[in-house]
Amino acid sequence: ATSQIGRGYKEVQQVVEAADYMLSGQHPSYVEAGQQQQQQQRTPTSIVLVGYSYGSLITGSASADIPNCIGCVSIAPPVAVKHWLLLFNSGYHVQKAKKRTSLPRLMIIGTEDNFSSETSFTDFVDSFPDASTSGALIKRADHFFNGREKDLMNVIGQWLLSTYADVLGGDLN
């Protein structure tokens, strides 16, 4: 990803390119085989995008351009300051994120987030389709989830298990 904040176009393109590379099968995959790892060529057929803070705005936008994207997780989306972070271009990215109305989405924020209030977060979540979008608040967590990382992982794990129950069979292994 780029090392600067901008209007978001380049960052979205980079996410799309990374997803295309992952989905192309051109990279090695590793599988645990007893005490050692062995390389195994497996081509993924789908991808779930996960973004944190500014990156959650970018992955949300990129999800519209990746047909094999089957879900999107937005961790601590900075909804109250998104227009500044994307140089007043956030409306474009939010509308783009909403294009795939049936795409499963999970959005998570801490109740003590440093950049967005619960109200601004809830309003943001509510602006997406109800049937495919879930919002979660983690009590006493700040924007960085300091000391609450396990709670964050649990919320994501439970969402994955419930959203993709048929595929995962109740197991994240």
N, C-alpha and C. Protein backbone atom coordinates (compact mmCIF):
# COMPACT_ATOMS: atom_id res chain seq x y z
N ALA A 1 0.84 -1.19 0.00
CA ALA A 1 0.00 0.00 0.00
C ALA A 1 0.87 1.24 0.00
N THR A 2 0.29 2.31 -0.40
CA THR A 2 1.04 3.56 -0.41
C THR A 2 1.27 4.01 1.02
N SER A 3 2.23 4.87 1.19
CA SER A 3 2.58 5.32 2.54
C SER A 3 1.96 6.67 2.88
N GLN A 4 1.06 7.14 2.04
CA GLN A 4 0.44 8.43 2.33
C GLN A 4 -1.08 8.30 2.23
N ILE A 5 -1.74 9.25 2.79
CA ILE A 5 -3.19 9.30 2.68
C ILE A 5 -3.51 10.22 1.52
N GLY A 6 -4.45 9.80 0.70
CA GLY A 6 -4.84 10.59 -0.46
C GLY A 6 -6.31 10.41 -0.72
N ARG A 7 -6.70 10.55 -1.95
CA ARG A 7 -8.10 10.43 -2.32
C ARG A 7 -8.56 8.98 -2.36
N GLY A 8 -7.63 8.04 -2.25
CA GLY A 8 -7.97 6.63 -2.11
C GLY A 8 -7.95 5.80 -3.38
N TYR A 9 -7.86 6.43 -4.54
CA TYR A 9 -7.92 5.68 -5.79
C TYR A 9 -6.76 4.69 -5.93
N LYS A 10 -5.54 5.15 -5.66
CA LYS A 10 -4.36 4.28 -5.79
C LYS A 10 -4.42 3.13 -4.79
N GLU A 11 -4.86 3.43 -3.57
CA GLU A 11 -4.93 2.40 -2.54
C GLU A 11 -5.96 1.33 -2.90
N VAL A 12 -7.10 1.74 -3.43
CA VAL A 12 -8.12 0.78 -3.88
C VAL A 12 -7.54 -0.10 -4.99
N GLN A 13 -6.86 0.52 -5.94
CA GLN A 13 -6.26 -0.25 -7.04
C GLN A 13 -5.25 -1.26 -6.51
N GLN A 14 -4.49 -0.89 -5.49
CA GLN A 14 -3.51 -1.81 -4.93
C GLN A 14 -4.19 -3.00 -4.25
N VAL A 15 -5.30 -2.76 -3.58
CA VAL A 15 -6.05 -3.87 -2.96
C VAL A 15 -6.58 -4.80 -4.05
N VAL A 16 -7.12 -4.24 -5.10
CA VAL A 16 -7.63 -5.04 -6.21
C VAL A 16 -6.50 -5.88 -6.82
N GLU A 17 -5.35 -5.28 -7.03
CA GLU A 17 -4.20 -6.00 -7.59
C GLU A 17 -3.72 -7.11 -6.66
N ALA A 18 -3.68 -6.84 -5.36
CA ALA A 18 -3.26 -7.86 -4.40
C ALA A 18 -4.26 -9.02 -4.38
N ALA A 19 -5.54 -8.71 -4.42
CA ALA A 19 -6.57 -9.76 -4.45
C ALA A 19 -6.46 -10.58 -5.74
N ASP A 20 -6.27 -9.91 -6.85
CA ASP A 20 -6.11 -10.62 -8.13
C ASP A 20 -4.92 -11.57 -8.06
N TYR A 21 -3.82 -11.11 -7.47
CA TYR A 21 -2.64 -11.97 -7.33
C TYR A 21 -2.94 -13.17 -6.44
N MET A 22 -3.58 -12.93 -5.32
CA MET A 22 -3.91 -14.04 -4.41
C MET A 22 -4.83 -15.05 -5.10
N LEU A 23 -5.81 -14.55 -5.85
CA LEU A 23 -6.78 -15.42 -6.50
C LEU A 23 -6.23 -16.09 -7.76
N SER A 24 -5.09 -15.63 -8.24
CA SER A 24 -4.50 -16.20 -9.46
C SER A 24 -3.80 -17.53 -9.19
N GLY A 25 -3.45 -17.79 -7.94
CA GLY A 25 -2.74 -19.03 -7.62
C GLY A 25 -1.26 -18.98 -7.93
N GLN A 26 -0.72 -17.80 -8.21
CA GLN A 26 0.68 -17.67 -8.55
C GLN A 26 1.61 -17.66 -7.33
N HIS A 27 1.05 -17.68 -6.16
CA HIS A 27 1.84 -17.62 -4.93
C HIS A 27 1.83 -19.00 -4.27
N PRO A 28 2.87 -19.31 -3.51
CA PRO A 28 2.88 -20.60 -2.81
C PRO A 28 1.98 -20.56 -1.58
N SER A 29 1.36 -21.69 -1.28
CA SER A 29 0.59 -21.85 -0.06
C SER A 29 1.31 -22.88 0.80
N TYR A 30 1.22 -22.73 2.10
CA TYR A 30 1.87 -23.67 2.99
C TYR A 30 0.85 -24.36 3.86
N VAL A 31 1.04 -25.66 4.03
CA VAL A 31 0.12 -26.47 4.82
C VAL A 31 0.93 -27.18 5.90
N GLU A 32 0.39 -27.21 7.12
CA GLU A 32 1.05 -27.93 8.21
C GLU A 32 1.00 -29.42 7.91
N ALA A 33 2.12 -30.08 7.99
CA ALA A 33 2.20 -31.53 7.78
C ALA A 33 3.03 -32.12 8.92
N GLY A 34 2.36 -32.42 10.01
CA GLY A 34 3.08 -32.93 11.17
C GLY A 34 3.92 -31.84 11.78
N GLN A 35 5.21 -32.07 11.90
CA GLN A 35 6.12 -31.11 12.51
C GLN A 35 6.66 -30.08 11.52
N GLN A 36 6.36 -30.25 10.26
CA GLN A 36 6.93 -29.33 9.27
C GLN A 36 5.85 -28.78 8.34
N GLN A 37 6.22 -27.74 7.69
CA GLN A 37 5.32 -27.17 6.68
C GLN A 37 5.75 -27.68 5.33
N GLN A 38 4.78 -27.92 4.49
CA GLN A 38 5.13 -28.27 3.12
C GLN A 38 4.38 -27.34 2.18
N GLN A 39 5.05 -27.05 1.09
CA GLN A 39 4.44 -26.15 0.12
C GLN A 39 3.42 -26.93 -0.69
N GLN A 40 2.28 -26.31 -0.91
CA GLN A 40 1.23 -26.94 -1.68
C GLN A 40 0.60 -25.86 -2.56
N GLN A 41 0.44 -26.17 -3.81
CA GLN A 41 -0.16 -25.20 -4.72
C GLN A 41 -1.68 -25.33 -4.64
N ARG A 42 -2.33 -24.31 -4.10
CA ARG A 42 -3.79 -24.26 -4.03
C ARG A 42 -4.22 -22.89 -4.51
N THR A 43 -5.13 -22.89 -5.40
CA THR A 43 -5.64 -21.62 -5.91
C THR A 43 -6.94 -21.29 -5.20
N PRO A 44 -6.96 -20.20 -4.45
CA PRO A 44 -8.21 -19.83 -3.78
C PRO A 44 -9.27 -19.43 -4.80
N THR A 45 -10.51 -19.65 -4.43
CA THR A 45 -11.61 -19.30 -5.33
C THR A 45 -12.35 -18.05 -4.85
N SER A 46 -12.06 -17.64 -3.63
CA SER A 46 -12.74 -16.46 -3.08
C SER A 46 -11.84 -15.80 -2.04
N ILE A 47 -12.25 -14.59 -1.66
CA ILE A 47 -11.44 -13.83 -0.71
C ILE A 47 -12.37 -12.99 0.17
N VAL A 48 -12.01 -12.85 1.43
CA VAL A 48 -12.68 -11.94 2.35
C VAL A 48 -11.68 -10.81 2.61
N LEU A 49 -12.10 -9.59 2.37
CA LEU A 49 -11.23 -8.44 2.60
C LEU A 49 -11.38 -7.97 4.04
N VAL A 50 -10.26 -7.63 4.66
CA VAL A 50 -10.26 -7.11 6.03
C VAL A 50 -9.42 -5.84 6.03
N GLY A 51 -10.01 -4.77 6.54
CA GLY A 51 -9.29 -3.50 6.61
C GLY A 51 -9.42 -2.90 7.99
N TYR A 52 -8.39 -2.21 8.40
CA TYR A 52 -8.36 -1.54 9.70
C TYR A 52 -8.24 -0.04 9.50
N SER A 53 -9.04 0.72 10.20
CA SER A 53 -9.02 2.18 10.20
C SER A 53 -9.15 2.71 8.76
N TYR A 54 -8.21 3.51 8.31
CA TYR A 54 -8.26 4.04 6.93
C TYR A 54 -8.39 2.90 5.93
N GLY A 55 -7.69 1.81 6.18
CA GLY A 55 -7.73 0.65 5.29
C GLY A 55 -9.11 0.04 5.18
N SER A 56 -9.94 0.20 6.21
CA SER A 56 -11.30 -0.35 6.13
C SER A 56 -12.14 0.43 5.12
N LEU A 57 -11.88 1.71 4.98
CA LEU A 57 -12.57 2.51 3.97
C LEU A 57 -12.13 2.08 2.57
N ILE A 58 -10.86 1.78 2.44
CA ILE A 58 -10.28 1.37 1.16
C ILE A 58 -10.77 -0.02 0.77
N THR A 59 -10.74 -0.99 1.69
CA THR A 59 -11.19 -2.35 1.35
C THR A 59 -12.68 -2.37 1.04
N GLY A 60 -13.45 -1.54 1.74
CA GLY A 60 -14.87 -1.45 1.44
C GLY A 60 -15.10 -1.02 0.01
N SER A 61 -14.38 -0.01 -0.42
CA SER A 61 -14.49 0.49 -1.79
C SER A 61 -14.00 -0.55 -2.78
N ALA A 62 -12.90 -1.20 -2.48
CA ALA A 62 -12.31 -2.20 -3.39
C ALA A 62 -13.21 -3.42 -3.56
N SER A 63 -14.03 -3.72 -2.56
CA SER A 63 -14.89 -4.90 -2.65
C SER A 63 -15.81 -4.86 -3.86
N ALA A 64 -16.14 -3.68 -4.34
CA ALA A 64 -17.00 -3.55 -5.52
C ALA A 64 -16.29 -3.99 -6.79
N ASP A 65 -14.96 -3.97 -6.79
CA ASP A 65 -14.18 -4.29 -7.99
C ASP A 65 -13.60 -5.69 -7.99
N ILE A 66 -13.94 -6.49 -6.98
CA ILE A 66 -13.38 -7.85 -6.87
C ILE A 66 -14.55 -8.83 -6.86
N PRO A 67 -14.89 -9.38 -8.02
CA PRO A 67 -16.05 -10.28 -8.09
C PRO A 67 -15.97 -11.48 -7.15
N ASN A 68 -14.77 -11.96 -6.88
CA ASN A 68 -14.60 -13.12 -6.01
C ASN A 68 -14.51 -12.76 -4.54
N CYS A 69 -14.73 -11.51 -4.21
CA CYS A 69 -14.80 -11.09 -2.81
C CYS A 69 -16.14 -11.56 -2.26
N ILE A 70 -16.09 -12.36 -1.19
CA ILE A 70 -17.33 -12.90 -0.61
C ILE A 70 -17.67 -12.27 0.73
N GLY A 71 -16.89 -11.29 1.16
CA GLY A 71 -17.18 -10.62 2.41
C GLY A 71 -16.17 -9.54 2.69
N CYS A 72 -16.54 -8.65 3.61
CA CYS A 72 -15.67 -7.53 3.95
C CYS A 72 -15.79 -7.23 5.45
N VAL A 73 -14.66 -7.17 6.13
CA VAL A 73 -14.62 -6.83 7.55
C VAL A 73 -13.94 -5.48 7.69
N SER A 74 -14.64 -4.56 8.34
CA SER A 74 -14.10 -3.21 8.56
C SER A 74 -13.87 -3.03 10.06
N ILE A 75 -12.61 -2.96 10.44
CA ILE A 75 -12.23 -2.81 11.84
C ILE A 75 -11.92 -1.34 12.11
N ALA A 76 -12.65 -0.76 13.04
CA ALA A 76 -12.46 0.63 13.45
C ALA A 76 -12.50 1.61 12.28
N PRO A 77 -13.54 1.52 11.46
CA PRO A 77 -13.61 2.50 10.36
C PRO A 77 -13.73 3.92 10.94
N PRO A 78 -12.88 4.83 10.51
CA PRO A 78 -12.89 6.19 11.05
C PRO A 78 -13.99 7.04 10.42
N VAL A 79 -15.22 6.66 10.67
CA VAL A 79 -16.35 7.26 9.95
C VAL A 79 -16.51 8.75 10.22
N ALA A 80 -16.18 9.20 11.42
CA ALA A 80 -16.37 10.62 11.74
C ALA A 80 -15.35 11.52 11.04
N VAL A 81 -14.25 10.97 10.60
CA VAL A 81 -13.21 11.78 9.95
C VAL A 81 -12.89 11.29 8.54
N LYS A 82 -13.73 10.44 7.99
CA LYS A 82 -13.45 9.84 6.68
C LYS A 82 -13.30 10.87 5.56
N HIS A 83 -14.08 11.94 5.62
CA HIS A 83 -13.99 12.95 4.56
C HIS A 83 -12.63 13.64 4.56
N TRP A 84 -12.03 13.82 5.73
CA TRP A 84 -10.69 14.42 5.78
C TRP A 84 -9.63 13.42 5.35
N LEU A 85 -9.78 12.17 5.80
CA LEU A 85 -8.78 11.16 5.46
C LEU A 85 -8.72 10.88 3.96
N LEU A 86 -9.87 10.98 3.31
CA LEU A 86 -9.93 10.73 1.87
C LEU A 86 -10.00 12.03 1.08
N LEU A 87 -9.58 13.11 1.70
CA LEU A 87 -9.52 14.43 1.07
C LEU A 87 -10.85 14.78 0.39
N PHE A 88 -11.91 14.68 1.19
CA PHE A 88 -13.26 15.03 0.76
C PHE A 88 -13.78 14.17 -0.38
N ASN A 89 -13.27 12.96 -0.48
CA ASN A 89 -13.68 12.02 -1.52
C ASN A 89 -14.34 10.78 -0.90
N SER A 90 -14.71 10.84 0.36
CA SER A 90 -15.25 9.66 1.03
C SER A 90 -16.59 9.24 0.46
N GLY A 91 -17.40 10.19 0.02
CA GLY A 91 -18.71 9.84 -0.55
C GLY A 91 -18.59 8.87 -1.71
N TYR A 92 -17.59 9.09 -2.55
CA TYR A 92 -17.34 8.20 -3.68
C TYR A 92 -17.08 6.78 -3.20
N HIS A 93 -16.18 6.65 -2.21
CA HIS A 93 -15.79 5.32 -1.74
C HIS A 93 -16.91 4.63 -0.97
N VAL A 94 -17.67 5.38 -0.20
CA VAL A 94 -18.79 4.78 0.53
C VAL A 94 -19.85 4.29 -0.45
N GLN A 95 -20.18 5.10 -1.45
CA GLN A 95 -21.17 4.67 -2.45
C GLN A 95 -20.68 3.44 -3.21
N LYS A 96 -19.40 3.41 -3.50
CA LYS A 96 -18.84 2.25 -4.19
C LYS A 96 -18.93 1.00 -3.31
N ALA A 97 -18.67 1.16 -2.02
CA ALA A 97 -18.76 0.04 -1.09
C ALA A 97 -20.18 -0.52 -1.01
N LYS A 98 -21.16 0.32 -1.25
CA LYS A 98 -22.57 -0.09 -1.15
C LYS A 98 -23.09 -0.74 -2.44
N LYS A 99 -22.28 -0.78 -3.49
CA LYS A 99 -22.76 -1.31 -4.77
C LYS A 99 -23.18 -2.77 -4.69
N ARG A 100 -22.44 -3.56 -3.95
CA ARG A 100 -22.77 -4.99 -3.84
C ARG A 100 -23.66 -5.16 -2.61
N THR A 101 -24.94 -5.01 -2.83
CA THR A 101 -25.90 -4.95 -1.72
C THR A 101 -26.01 -6.23 -0.92
N SER A 102 -25.70 -7.37 -1.51
CA SER A 102 -25.82 -8.64 -0.78
C SER A 102 -24.49 -9.13 -0.21
N LEU A 103 -23.42 -8.37 -0.38
CA LEU A 103 -22.11 -8.78 0.13
C LEU A 103 -22.12 -8.74 1.66
N PRO A 104 -21.81 -9.86 2.32
CA PRO A 104 -21.77 -9.85 3.78
C PRO A 104 -20.68 -8.90 4.29
N ARG A 105 -21.06 -8.07 5.27
CA ARG A 105 -20.14 -7.09 5.84
C ARG A 105 -20.22 -7.13 7.35
N LEU A 106 -19.07 -7.00 7.97
CA LEU A 106 -18.98 -6.84 9.42
C LEU A 106 -18.21 -5.56 9.68
N MET A 107 -18.78 -4.70 10.49
CA MET A 107 -18.11 -3.46 10.87
C MET A 107 -18.00 -3.45 12.40
N ILE A 108 -16.81 -3.17 12.89
CA ILE A 108 -16.54 -3.24 14.33
C ILE A 108 -15.87 -1.96 14.79
N ILE A 109 -16.29 -1.49 15.96
CA ILE A 109 -15.66 -0.31 16.56
C ILE A 109 -15.67 -0.48 18.08
N GLY A 110 -14.73 0.15 18.73
CA GLY A 110 -14.72 0.16 20.20
C GLY A 110 -15.59 1.29 20.72
N THR A 111 -16.18 1.07 21.89
CA THR A 111 -17.05 2.11 22.46
C THR A 111 -16.26 3.35 22.87
N GLU A 112 -14.95 3.22 22.99
CA GLU A 112 -14.11 4.36 23.35
C GLU A 112 -13.17 4.74 22.21
N ASP A 113 -13.65 4.55 20.98
CA ASP A 113 -12.85 4.86 19.80
C ASP A 113 -12.39 6.32 19.86
N ASN A 114 -11.15 6.55 19.46
CA ASN A 114 -10.53 7.87 19.55
C ASN A 114 -10.99 8.83 18.45
N PHE A 115 -11.60 8.29 17.38
CA PHE A 115 -11.89 9.12 16.22
C PHE A 115 -13.36 9.16 15.83
N SER A 116 -14.16 8.23 16.28
CA SER A 116 -15.57 8.18 15.89
C SER A 116 -16.43 7.82 17.09
N SER A 117 -17.59 8.42 17.16
CA SER A 117 -18.53 8.13 18.24
C SER A 117 -19.36 6.90 17.90
N GLU A 118 -19.99 6.33 18.92
CA GLU A 118 -20.90 5.21 18.68
C GLU A 118 -22.02 5.63 17.73
N THR A 119 -22.52 6.85 17.91
CA THR A 119 -23.62 7.34 17.07
C THR A 119 -23.20 7.45 15.61
N SER A 120 -22.03 8.02 15.35
CA SER A 120 -21.59 8.14 13.95
C SER A 120 -21.35 6.77 13.34
N PHE A 121 -20.82 5.84 14.14
CA PHE A 121 -20.61 4.48 13.67
C PHE A 121 -21.94 3.80 13.36
N THR A 122 -22.88 3.88 14.28
CA THR A 122 -24.18 3.24 14.10
C THR A 122 -24.90 3.81 12.88
N ASP A 123 -24.84 5.12 12.71
CA ASP A 123 -25.45 5.74 11.53
C ASP A 123 -24.81 5.21 10.24
N PHE A 124 -23.50 5.05 10.27
CA PHE A 124 -22.77 4.53 9.11
C PHE A 124 -23.21 3.10 8.80
N VAL A 125 -23.22 2.25 9.81
CA VAL A 125 -23.64 0.85 9.62
C VAL A 125 -25.07 0.81 9.09
N ASP A 126 -25.94 1.62 9.66
CA ASP A 126 -27.34 1.63 9.25
C ASP A 126 -27.55 2.12 7.82
N SER A 127 -26.56 2.78 7.24
CA SER A 127 -26.69 3.26 5.87
C SER A 127 -26.43 2.15 4.84
N PHE A 128 -25.97 0.98 5.31
CA PHE A 128 -25.74 -0.18 4.45
C PHE A 128 -26.95 -1.11 4.53
N PRO A 129 -27.11 -2.01 3.56
CA PRO A 129 -28.26 -2.93 3.59
C PRO A 129 -28.31 -3.77 4.87
N ASP A 130 -29.48 -3.77 5.52
CA ASP A 130 -29.66 -4.50 6.78
C ASP A 130 -29.36 -5.98 6.67
N ALA A 131 -29.85 -6.60 5.62
CA ALA A 131 -29.76 -8.06 5.50
C ALA A 131 -28.33 -8.57 5.39
N SER A 132 -27.42 -7.76 4.88
CA SER A 132 -26.06 -8.24 4.65
C SER A 132 -25.01 -7.57 5.54
N THR A 133 -25.41 -6.63 6.38
CA THR A 133 -24.44 -5.87 7.16
C THR A 133 -24.66 -6.07 8.66
N SER A 134 -23.56 -6.37 9.35
CA SER A 134 -23.59 -6.50 10.80
C SER A 134 -22.66 -5.46 11.40
N GLY A 135 -23.08 -4.88 12.50
CA GLY A 135 -22.25 -3.94 13.23
C GLY A 135 -22.00 -4.48 14.63
N ALA A 136 -20.81 -4.26 15.15
CA ALA A 136 -20.48 -4.74 16.49
C ALA A 136 -19.72 -3.66 17.25
N LEU A 137 -20.08 -3.49 18.51
CA LEU A 137 -19.39 -2.59 19.43
C LEU A 137 -18.65 -3.43 20.46
N ILE A 138 -17.40 -3.11 20.68
CA ILE A 138 -16.63 -3.79 21.71
C ILE A 138 -16.46 -2.81 22.87
N LYS A 139 -17.06 -3.18 24.00
CA LYS A 139 -17.05 -2.29 25.17
C LYS A 139 -15.64 -2.04 25.67
N ARG A 140 -15.42 -0.79 26.07
CA ARG A 140 -14.16 -0.34 26.65
C ARG A 140 -12.95 -0.52 25.74
N ALA A 141 -13.19 -0.59 24.43
CA ALA A 141 -12.08 -0.70 23.48
C ALA A 141 -11.89 0.64 22.79
N ASP A 142 -10.61 1.03 22.62
CA ASP A 142 -10.31 2.25 21.89
C ASP A 142 -10.10 1.93 20.41
N HIS A 143 -9.64 2.89 19.66
CA HIS A 143 -9.43 2.71 18.22
C HIS A 143 -8.41 1.61 17.92
N PHE A 144 -7.50 1.39 18.85
CA PHE A 144 -6.40 0.46 18.63
C PHE A 144 -6.65 -0.90 19.29
N PHE A 145 -7.77 -1.05 19.99
CA PHE A 145 -8.16 -2.29 20.66
C PHE A 145 -7.11 -2.79 21.63
N ASN A 146 -6.37 -1.83 22.24
CA ASN A 146 -5.35 -2.20 23.21
C ASN A 146 -5.94 -3.02 24.34
N GLY A 147 -5.41 -4.22 24.53
CA GLY A 147 -5.89 -5.12 25.57
C GLY A 147 -7.21 -5.80 25.23
N ARG A 148 -7.76 -5.51 24.09
CA ARG A 148 -9.06 -6.09 23.69
C ARG A 148 -8.92 -6.88 22.37
N GLU A 149 -7.70 -7.21 21.99
CA GLU A 149 -7.46 -7.90 20.73
C GLU A 149 -8.20 -9.23 20.66
N LYS A 150 -8.23 -9.95 21.78
CA LYS A 150 -8.90 -11.25 21.80
C LYS A 150 -10.41 -11.08 21.58
N ASP A 151 -10.97 -10.04 22.16
CA ASP A 151 -12.40 -9.76 21.95
C ASP A 151 -12.67 -9.46 20.47
N LEU A 152 -11.78 -8.71 19.87
CA LEU A 152 -11.90 -8.39 18.45
C LEU A 152 -11.85 -9.68 17.61
N MET A 153 -10.89 -10.54 17.90
CA MET A 153 -10.78 -11.80 17.17
C MET A 153 -12.02 -12.66 17.37
N ASN A 154 -12.56 -12.67 18.58
CA ASN A 154 -13.77 -13.46 18.84
C ASN A 154 -14.96 -12.96 18.03
N VAL A 155 -15.13 -11.66 17.95
CA VAL A 155 -16.24 -11.10 17.16
C VAL A 155 -16.09 -11.50 15.69
N ILE A 156 -14.89 -11.36 15.17
CA ILE A 156 -14.67 -11.72 13.76
C ILE A 156 -14.86 -13.22 13.55
N GLY A 157 -14.34 -14.03 14.45
CA GLY A 157 -14.48 -15.48 14.34
C GLY A 157 -15.93 -15.92 14.36
N GLN A 158 -16.71 -15.35 15.28
CA GLN A 158 -18.13 -15.70 15.36
C GLN A 158 -18.87 -15.28 14.09
N TRP A 159 -18.53 -14.11 13.57
CA TRP A 159 -19.17 -13.65 12.33
C TRP A 159 -18.83 -14.58 11.17
N LEU A 160 -17.55 -14.96 11.06
CA LEU A 160 -17.14 -15.88 10.00
C LEU A 160 -17.90 -17.19 10.10
N LEU A 161 -17.97 -17.73 11.32
CA LEU A 161 -18.66 -19.01 11.52
C LEU A 161 -20.15 -18.93 11.19
N SER A 162 -20.78 -17.83 11.55
CA SER A 162 -22.22 -17.72 11.27
C SER A 162 -22.50 -17.36 9.81
N THR A 163 -21.65 -16.55 9.22
CA THR A 163 -21.86 -16.11 7.84
C THR A 163 -21.52 -17.20 6.84
N TYR A 164 -20.50 -17.97 7.13
CA TYR A 164 -20.03 -18.99 6.19
C TYR A 164 -20.16 -20.39 6.81
N ALA A 165 -21.25 -20.64 7.52
CA ALA A 165 -21.47 -21.90 8.23
C ALA A 165 -21.37 -23.11 7.30
N ASP A 166 -21.96 -23.02 6.12
CA ASP A 166 -21.94 -24.16 5.20
C ASP A 166 -20.53 -24.50 4.75
N VAL A 167 -19.74 -23.49 4.50
CA VAL A 167 -18.37 -23.69 4.00
C VAL A 167 -17.43 -24.13 5.12
N LEU A 168 -17.53 -23.49 6.28
CA LEU A 168 -16.61 -23.75 7.38
C LEU A 168 -17.01 -24.95 8.23
N GLY A 169 -18.25 -25.33 8.20
CA GLY A 169 -18.69 -26.47 8.99
C GLY A 169 -18.47 -26.28 10.47
N GLY A 170 -18.53 -25.05 10.95
CA GLY A 170 -18.39 -24.78 12.38
C GLY A 170 -16.96 -24.76 12.89
N ASP A 171 -15.97 -24.73 11.99
CA ASP A 171 -14.58 -24.80 12.41
C ASP A 171 -13.73 -23.81 11.60
N LEU A 172 -12.93 -23.01 12.29
CA LEU A 172 -12.06 -22.06 11.60
C LEU A 172 -10.70 -22.66 11.24
N ASN A 173 -10.45 -23.89 11.61
CA ASN A 173 -9.16 -24.51 11.26
C ASN A 173 -9.08 -24.87 9.81
